[in-house]
Amino acid sequence: MLWFLFALTGYLLLAMVFVLDKLILTKTLDKPVVYTFYSTIFMVLALLAWPFGVQLLVMTDWLWAFVSGIAFGLALWSMFIAVKREEASHINPFIGAITTIITYALAALFLAERLTTESVWGVITLFAATLLLSLFGEGRKPGLSRGLWWGVAAGLLFAVSHSSAKYLYEIYPFLTAFVWTRATTALVGFMCLFSPAVRRTFRRKESETIRRCRSCGYSRTYTVALVAATKLLGVVAVICIQYAIAIGSVTVVNALVGLQYAFMFLLIYLSTRYIPKIFKEHFSRKELAIETAAIVLVLFGSALFVL
């Protein structure tokens, strides 16, 4: 059950991170490529753990470390684009649904994972819940919008990253696999340097993006502090979830992502009700009923994994 506690903690923190991501992308750093740069470049600091027993990988294992790290960084980029275009309470569960189903397929094909009957029903229940949360909102037209297509890309990339990381966790100590799959994510940050929007943040003492956020009432200091706090929470969340994957099932841990969306919905609803000037999303009675039903499915599906 230790893996469950780490997964639960990680998903609670990620729920907070996703709400803050939406706030940052709509009211402060409005360019996803800039936010991706600051979300990935500092992962190179994972190499500071080298003196604590990090080992070198062997031959083709380097390939899987690069695949995991780069896929994770590109997944973040795709997710930020999707989050900017869609409401957080809809797009993040959608990404989770795609991640869960693809991770299940990859784990079955390449990692020889086998789930119990209860766990299979848990995956199905959580997948249904995340689809209900993401696709059946008020006024949503049938089919995939551009934002949802970016969500599909993010889900696919997250699944590839998690599955290849799990492969390394099976044959190396946790710290070794974690460091190399996170440090390689920084390569996506270096890729972002080709974007003029990212380079402009270095050439100006106060960038155009920061000046625009002041018109919304946010100072540069506030923006930097908000981004730093979000990244710190994100790092702790990733460590918890990656450790849960290392000691548990990659499919089951990813299926529990439904808990994250239950936490996130609660945070968004409370923010909309009590601090709408800071963060607000529209909730009609129909949406509230649908999302409440989905959360009941989330709790039921999650319970199936601990039976």
Protein backbone atom coordinates (compact mmCIF):
# COMPACT_ATOMS: atom_id res chain seq x y z
CA MET A 1 0.00 0.00 0.00
CA LEU A 2 3.03 2.32 0.22
CA TRP A 3 2.81 2.90 -3.53
CA PHE A 4 -0.81 4.03 -3.09
CA LEU A 5 0.11 6.64 -0.47
CA PHE A 6 2.85 8.06 -2.70
CA ALA A 7 0.50 8.10 -5.70
CA LEU A 8 -2.25 9.80 -3.66
CA THR A 9 0.14 12.49 -2.44
CA GLY A 10 1.54 13.05 -5.92
CA TYR A 11 -1.87 13.41 -7.53
CA LEU A 12 -3.09 15.82 -4.85
CA LEU A 13 -0.05 18.03 -5.50
CA LEU A 14 -0.52 17.71 -9.27
CA ALA A 15 -4.13 18.86 -8.92
CA MET A 16 -2.83 22.05 -7.32
CA VAL A 17 -0.17 22.36 -10.04
CA PHE A 18 -2.71 22.04 -12.89
CA VAL A 19 -4.91 24.78 -11.43
CA LEU A 20 -1.85 27.03 -11.05
CA ASP A 21 -0.75 26.14 -14.62
CA LYS A 22 -4.06 27.41 -15.97
CA LEU A 23 -3.75 30.59 -13.90
CA ILE A 24 -0.20 31.20 -15.18
CA LEU A 25 -1.03 30.48 -18.83
CA THR A 26 -4.04 32.80 -18.86
CA LYS A 27 -2.91 35.66 -16.61
CA THR A 28 0.89 35.74 -16.53
CA LEU A 29 3.07 33.76 -18.97
CA ASP A 30 0.67 33.51 -21.89
CA LYS A 31 2.99 31.62 -24.28
CA PRO A 32 3.12 27.83 -23.72
CA VAL A 33 6.63 27.58 -25.21
CA VAL A 34 7.97 30.04 -22.61
CA TYR A 35 6.29 28.15 -19.78
CA THR A 36 7.60 24.86 -21.20
CA PHE A 37 11.13 26.27 -21.16
CA TYR A 38 10.94 27.21 -17.49
CA SER A 39 9.22 23.88 -16.67
CA THR A 40 11.90 21.70 -18.26
CA ILE A 41 15.27 23.47 -18.33
CA PHE A 42 15.81 23.26 -14.58
CA MET A 43 15.36 19.49 -14.61
CA VAL A 44 19.04 19.32 -15.52
CA LEU A 45 19.58 19.99 -11.81
CA ALA A 46 18.63 16.36 -11.22
CA LEU A 47 22.28 15.65 -12.00
CA LEU A 48 23.15 17.17 -8.61
CA ALA A 49 22.09 13.83 -7.16
CA TRP A 50 25.12 12.19 -8.83
CA PRO A 51 27.20 11.91 -5.61
CA PHE A 52 24.39 9.94 -3.91
CA GLY A 53 24.92 6.74 -5.87
CA VAL A 54 23.60 7.46 -9.34
CA GLN A 55 24.91 4.87 -11.79
CA LEU A 56 25.68 5.09 -15.50
CA LEU A 57 23.27 3.26 -17.78
CA VAL A 58 24.25 0.42 -20.08
CA MET A 59 24.14 0.58 -23.89
CA THR A 60 20.55 0.77 -25.24
CA ASP A 61 19.19 1.75 -21.82
CA TRP A 62 20.43 5.27 -22.61
CA LEU A 63 17.97 5.29 -25.51
CA TRP A 64 15.03 4.59 -23.19
CA ALA A 65 16.19 7.26 -20.77
CA PHE A 66 16.23 9.81 -23.59
CA VAL A 67 12.86 8.59 -24.88
CA SER A 68 11.32 8.91 -21.42
CA GLY A 69 12.79 12.35 -20.69
CA ILE A 70 12.13 13.95 -24.06
CA ALA A 71 8.62 12.48 -24.28
CA PHE A 72 7.86 13.91 -20.83
CA GLY A 73 9.03 17.38 -21.85
CA LEU A 74 7.08 17.32 -25.12
CA ALA A 75 4.03 16.04 -23.22
CA LEU A 76 4.23 19.07 -20.93
CA TRP A 77 4.45 21.38 -23.95
CA SER A 78 1.43 19.75 -25.59
CA MET A 79 -0.49 19.86 -22.32
CA PHE A 80 0.22 23.58 -21.80
CA ILE A 81 -1.10 24.33 -25.29
CA ALA A 82 -4.22 22.28 -24.59
CA VAL A 83 -4.76 23.86 -21.16
CA LYS A 84 -4.52 27.34 -22.67
CA ARG A 85 -7.25 26.47 -25.21
CA GLU A 86 -9.63 24.50 -22.95
CA GLU A 87 -11.02 24.68 -19.42
CA ALA A 88 -8.76 22.92 -16.93
CA SER A 89 -11.62 20.85 -15.48
CA HIS A 90 -12.24 19.36 -18.95
CA ILE A 91 -8.87 19.04 -20.69
CA ASN A 92 -6.80 17.61 -17.84
CA PRO A 93 -9.15 14.64 -17.25
CA PHE A 94 -9.17 14.05 -21.00
CA ILE A 95 -5.37 13.87 -21.04
CA GLY A 96 -5.53 11.48 -18.10
CA ALA A 97 -7.95 9.19 -19.94
CA ILE A 98 -5.69 9.01 -22.99
CA THR A 99 -2.63 8.41 -20.80
CA THR A 100 -4.34 5.62 -18.87
CA ILE A 101 -5.55 3.64 -21.87
CA ILE A 102 -2.27 3.92 -23.83
CA THR A 103 -0.18 3.10 -20.76
CA TYR A 104 -2.31 0.00 -20.21
CA ALA A 105 -1.65 -1.10 -23.79
CA LEU A 106 2.10 -0.40 -23.63
CA ALA A 107 2.50 -2.13 -20.27
CA ALA A 108 0.69 -5.21 -21.52
CA LEU A 109 2.69 -5.34 -24.76
CA PHE A 110 6.20 -4.50 -23.55
CA LEU A 111 6.33 -4.82 -19.75
CA ALA A 112 4.34 -8.05 -19.36
CA GLU A 113 2.09 -6.47 -16.72
CA ARG A 114 -1.04 -8.42 -15.81
CA LEU A 115 -3.87 -6.91 -13.81
CA THR A 116 -6.45 -8.58 -11.57
CA THR A 117 -10.10 -8.58 -12.63
CA GLU A 118 -10.83 -5.83 -10.09
CA SER A 119 -7.98 -3.69 -11.43
CA VAL A 120 -9.21 -4.08 -15.01
CA TRP A 121 -12.66 -2.90 -13.95
CA GLY A 122 -10.95 -0.08 -12.08
CA VAL A 123 -9.18 1.03 -15.27
CA ILE A 124 -12.46 0.89 -17.20
CA THR A 125 -14.35 2.82 -14.51
CA LEU A 126 -11.71 5.54 -14.24
CA PHE A 127 -11.50 5.84 -18.02
CA ALA A 128 -15.29 6.27 -18.22
CA ALA A 129 -15.14 8.88 -15.45
CA THR A 130 -12.45 10.95 -17.14
CA LEU A 131 -14.32 10.84 -20.46
CA LEU A 132 -17.48 11.96 -18.68
CA LEU A 133 -15.55 14.83 -17.08
CA SER A 134 -13.95 15.95 -20.33
CA LEU A 135 -16.36 15.35 -23.21
CA PHE A 136 -19.85 15.96 -21.90
CA GLY A 137 -19.67 19.49 -20.59
CA GLU A 138 -22.26 22.17 -21.19
CA GLY A 139 -22.33 23.34 -24.82
CA ARG A 140 -19.56 20.97 -25.95
CA LYS A 141 -19.95 19.94 -29.57
CA PRO A 142 -19.36 16.34 -30.70
CA GLY A 143 -15.86 15.61 -31.94
CA LEU A 144 -12.41 16.80 -30.94
CA SER A 145 -11.53 20.48 -30.87
CA ARG A 146 -7.99 21.64 -31.57
CA GLY A 147 -7.35 21.82 -27.84
CA LEU A 148 -8.48 18.22 -27.38
CA TRP A 149 -6.19 17.07 -30.21
CA TRP A 150 -3.29 18.61 -28.32
CA GLY A 151 -4.59 16.69 -25.32
CA VAL A 152 -4.40 13.45 -27.31
CA ALA A 153 -0.75 14.22 -28.15
CA ALA A 154 0.01 14.97 -24.49
CA GLY A 155 -1.63 11.74 -23.31
CA LEU A 156 0.29 9.65 -25.85
CA LEU A 157 3.60 11.25 -24.89
CA PHE A 158 2.99 10.88 -21.15
CA ALA A 159 2.19 7.18 -21.66
CA VAL A 160 5.42 6.65 -23.62
CA SER A 161 7.41 8.48 -20.94
CA HIS A 162 5.91 6.55 -18.02
CA SER A 163 6.23 3.15 -19.70
CA SER A 164 9.87 3.62 -20.72
CA ALA A 165 10.69 4.93 -17.23
CA LYS A 166 9.06 1.85 -15.70
CA TYR A 167 11.33 -0.33 -17.86
CA LEU A 168 14.38 1.37 -16.31
CA TYR A 169 12.96 1.19 -12.78
CA GLU A 170 12.79 -2.59 -13.19
CA ILE A 171 16.55 -2.95 -13.78
CA TYR A 172 18.15 0.02 -11.96
CA PRO A 173 17.85 1.57 -8.48
CA PHE A 174 15.12 4.20 -8.28
CA LEU A 175 17.48 7.17 -7.97
CA THR A 176 19.51 6.16 -11.03
CA ALA A 177 16.48 5.70 -13.29
CA PHE A 178 14.78 8.84 -11.95
CA VAL A 179 17.79 11.10 -12.47
CA TRP A 180 18.44 10.04 -16.07
CA THR A 181 14.76 10.14 -17.13
CA ARG A 182 14.31 13.63 -15.62
CA ALA A 183 17.67 15.19 -16.56
CA THR A 184 17.07 14.30 -20.22
CA THR A 185 13.82 16.29 -20.06
CA ALA A 186 16.01 19.39 -19.95
CA LEU A 187 16.83 18.75 -23.62
CA VAL A 188 13.32 19.96 -24.44
CA GLY A 189 14.15 23.16 -22.58
CA PHE A 190 17.21 23.65 -24.78
CA MET A 191 15.00 23.02 -27.84
CA CYS A 192 12.74 25.85 -26.67
CA LEU A 193 15.68 28.25 -26.98
CA PHE A 194 15.08 28.20 -30.75
CA SER A 195 11.83 30.09 -30.08
CA PRO A 196 12.14 33.90 -30.38
CA ALA A 197 9.56 34.24 -27.57
CA VAL A 198 11.87 32.40 -25.17
CA ARG A 199 14.98 34.32 -26.21
CA ARG A 200 13.17 37.64 -25.74
CA THR A 201 12.74 36.85 -22.05
CA PHE A 202 16.54 37.08 -21.71
CA ARG A 203 17.12 40.19 -23.83
CA ARG A 204 14.75 42.46 -21.97
CA LYS A 205 14.92 43.42 -18.35
CA GLU A 206 11.16 43.27 -18.26
CA SER A 207 9.60 41.23 -21.05
CA GLU A 208 6.44 42.05 -22.95
CA THR A 209 4.78 39.05 -21.30
CA ILE A 210 5.50 40.38 -17.81
CA ARG A 211 4.33 43.89 -18.76
CA ARG A 212 1.03 42.44 -19.97
CA CYS A 213 0.54 40.58 -16.70
CA ARG A 214 0.85 43.88 -14.80
CA SER A 215 -2.21 45.13 -16.65
CA CYS A 216 -4.03 42.20 -14.96
CA GLY A 217 -2.73 43.27 -11.57
CA TYR A 218 0.20 40.85 -11.29
CA SER A 219 3.71 42.15 -10.60
CA ARG A 220 6.90 40.60 -11.90
CA THR A 221 7.80 39.43 -8.38
CA TYR A 222 4.39 37.79 -8.01
CA THR A 223 4.77 36.04 -11.38
CA VAL A 224 8.26 34.70 -10.58
CA ALA A 225 7.12 33.51 -7.14
CA LEU A 226 4.03 31.84 -8.59
CA VAL A 227 6.01 30.00 -11.28
CA ALA A 228 8.69 28.95 -8.76
CA ALA A 229 6.09 27.63 -6.30
CA THR A 230 4.31 25.74 -9.06
CA LYS A 231 7.52 24.13 -10.27
CA LEU A 232 8.51 23.14 -6.72
CA LEU A 233 5.13 21.49 -6.15
CA GLY A 234 5.47 19.82 -9.55
CA VAL A 235 8.90 18.37 -8.71
CA VAL A 236 7.64 16.88 -5.43
CA ALA A 237 4.57 15.50 -7.23
CA VAL A 238 6.66 13.90 -9.99
CA ILE A 239 9.01 12.29 -7.44
CA CYS A 240 6.04 10.81 -5.55
CA ILE A 241 4.37 9.46 -8.68
CA GLN A 242 7.57 8.13 -10.22
CA TYR A 243 8.42 6.34 -6.96
CA ALA A 244 4.90 4.86 -6.90
CA ILE A 245 5.47 3.63 -10.47
CA ALA A 246 8.84 2.17 -9.47
CA ILE A 247 7.46 0.09 -6.59
CA GLY A 248 3.98 -0.58 -8.01
CA SER A 249 2.25 -1.14 -11.34
CA VAL A 250 2.70 1.57 -13.96
CA THR A 251 -0.82 0.88 -15.27
CA VAL A 252 -2.47 1.04 -11.86
CA VAL A 253 -0.60 4.18 -10.77
CA ASN A 254 -1.59 5.94 -14.00
CA ALA A 255 -5.18 4.75 -13.66
CA LEU A 256 -5.36 6.45 -10.26
CA VAL A 257 -4.98 9.76 -12.11
CA GLY A 258 -8.75 10.00 -11.70
CA LEU A 259 -8.15 10.97 -8.08
CA GLN A 260 -6.19 13.96 -9.30
CA TYR A 261 -9.19 15.22 -11.25
CA ALA A 262 -11.48 14.79 -8.28
CA PHE A 263 -9.08 16.94 -6.24
CA MET A 264 -8.74 19.40 -9.12
CA PHE A 265 -12.50 19.75 -9.59
CA LEU A 266 -12.90 20.46 -5.89
CA LEU A 267 -10.17 23.13 -5.99
CA ILE A 268 -11.63 24.77 -9.10
CA TYR A 269 -15.15 24.75 -7.69
CA LEU A 270 -14.04 26.27 -4.39
CA SER A 271 -11.94 28.90 -6.20
CA THR A 272 -14.84 29.80 -8.50
CA ARG A 273 -17.17 30.14 -5.54
CA TYR A 274 -14.96 31.97 -3.07
CA ILE A 275 -12.11 33.69 -4.99
CA PRO A 276 -13.48 34.24 -8.53
CA LYS A 277 -11.23 37.27 -9.12
CA ILE A 278 -8.20 34.99 -8.95
CA PHE A 279 -9.53 31.88 -10.68
CA LYS A 280 -12.95 31.10 -12.14
CA GLU A 281 -14.58 28.57 -14.46
CA HIS A 282 -18.21 28.38 -15.56
CA PHE A 283 -20.36 25.69 -13.92
CA SER A 284 -23.97 25.21 -15.03
CA ARG A 285 -26.25 22.85 -13.12
CA LYS A 286 -25.85 20.28 -15.88
CA GLU A 287 -22.05 20.45 -15.70
CA LEU A 288 -22.10 20.26 -11.92
CA ALA A 289 -24.30 17.14 -12.04
CA ILE A 290 -22.11 15.48 -14.69
CA GLU A 291 -18.86 16.21 -12.89
CA THR A 292 -20.28 15.08 -9.53
CA ALA A 293 -21.33 11.77 -11.12
CA ALA A 294 -17.88 11.42 -12.64
CA ILE A 295 -16.21 11.97 -9.28
CA VAL A 296 -18.34 9.19 -7.75
CA LEU A 297 -17.05 6.91 -10.52
CA VAL A 298 -13.50 8.07 -9.77
CA LEU A 299 -13.79 7.13 -6.11
CA PHE A 300 -15.39 3.78 -6.95
CA GLY A 301 -12.81 2.97 -9.60
CA SER A 302 -9.93 3.88 -7.30
CA ALA A 303 -11.36 1.66 -4.53
CA LEU A 304 -11.18 -1.34 -6.88
CA PHE A 305 -7.38 -1.14 -6.86
CA VAL A 306 -7.09 -1.64 -3.12
CA LEU A 307 -9.49 -4.59 -2.79
